[in-house]
Amino acid sequence: MDLERMRTLLTALQEARYAGVRSVSYDGKTITYGSDAELANAISDLEGRIATATSGTPRRRRWATVASKGL
């Protein structure tokens, strides 16, 4: 999938999510997501693919555990 098509799809997914709709139509196709979480995952995946396509490296997320004794 080319970069412009991914950006167009991302815009369609974001608009649908903000409108509270779970069905998205683009290029004559309709996709219906079962929940908002599925739609959010699709948006996140597409954002990662766009980041990889533009920078050449995948977007990284860091998770860390922080603890304190409260001193």
Protein backbone atom coordinates (compact mmCIF):
# COMPACT_ATOMS: atom_id res chain seq x y z
CA MET A 1 0.00 0.00 0.00
CA ASP A 2 1.46 3.37 -0.92
CA LEU A 3 1.92 6.24 1.51
CA GLU A 4 -0.86 8.47 0.16
CA ARG A 5 -3.38 5.64 0.32
CA MET A 6 -2.38 4.88 3.92
CA ARG A 7 -2.79 8.55 4.86
CA THR A 8 -6.21 8.67 3.19
CA LEU A 9 -7.31 5.56 5.06
CA LEU A 10 -5.94 6.93 8.34
CA THR A 11 -7.96 10.12 7.88
CA ALA A 12 -11.11 8.09 7.16
CA LEU A 13 -10.55 5.92 10.25
CA GLN A 14 -9.94 8.92 12.51
CA GLU A 15 -13.01 10.76 11.21
CA ALA A 16 -15.16 7.67 11.76
CA ARG A 17 -13.85 7.20 15.30
CA TYR A 18 -14.41 10.83 16.25
CA ALA A 19 -17.94 10.66 14.83
CA GLY A 20 -18.67 7.51 16.83
CA VAL A 21 -19.16 5.38 13.71
CA ARG A 22 -17.67 1.89 13.40
CA SER A 23 -18.06 1.55 9.62
CA VAL A 24 -15.56 3.10 7.23
CA SER A 25 -15.91 3.32 3.45
CA TYR A 26 -13.02 4.01 1.09
CA ASP A 27 -12.21 3.00 -2.47
CA GLY A 28 -15.67 1.48 -2.82
CA LYS A 29 -15.12 -0.88 0.13
CA THR A 30 -16.80 -0.82 3.53
CA ILE A 31 -15.21 -2.11 6.71
CA THR A 32 -17.18 -2.48 9.93
CA TYR A 33 -15.25 -2.75 13.19
CA GLY A 34 -16.75 -4.66 16.11
CA SER A 35 -15.75 -2.15 18.77
CA ASP A 36 -14.00 1.14 19.34
CA ALA A 37 -10.96 -0.79 20.56
CA GLU A 38 -10.66 -2.58 17.20
CA LEU A 39 -10.92 0.75 15.40
CA ALA A 40 -8.28 2.26 17.72
CA ASN A 41 -5.98 -0.70 17.03
CA ALA A 42 -6.42 -0.25 13.28
CA ILE A 43 -5.54 3.45 13.62
CA SER A 44 -2.49 2.66 15.75
CA ASP A 45 -1.30 0.01 13.30
CA LEU A 46 -1.71 2.34 10.36
CA GLU A 47 0.15 5.14 12.17
CA GLY A 48 3.03 2.73 12.76
CA ARG A 49 3.07 1.70 9.11
CA ILE A 50 3.12 5.34 8.02
CA ALA A 51 5.94 6.11 10.45
CA THR A 52 7.94 3.17 9.10
CA ALA A 53 7.31 4.22 5.51
CA THR A 54 8.36 7.83 6.12
CA SER A 55 11.37 7.29 8.37
CA GLY A 56 12.47 3.81 7.37
CA THR A 57 12.44 2.58 10.98
CA PRO A 58 9.45 1.39 13.00
CA ARG A 59 8.07 3.55 15.77
CA ARG A 60 9.18 2.24 19.14
CA ARG A 61 7.32 2.33 22.41
CA ARG A 62 9.11 2.06 25.69
CA TRP A 63 7.64 0.58 28.82
CA ALA A 64 9.34 0.99 32.15
CA THR A 65 8.54 0.10 35.71
CA VAL A 66 9.25 2.76 38.30
CA ALA A 67 9.20 2.14 42.03
CA SER A 68 9.78 4.43 44.96
CA LYS A 69 9.89 3.96 48.72
CA GLY A 70 8.43 7.42 49.11
CA LEU A 71 11.50 8.93 50.75
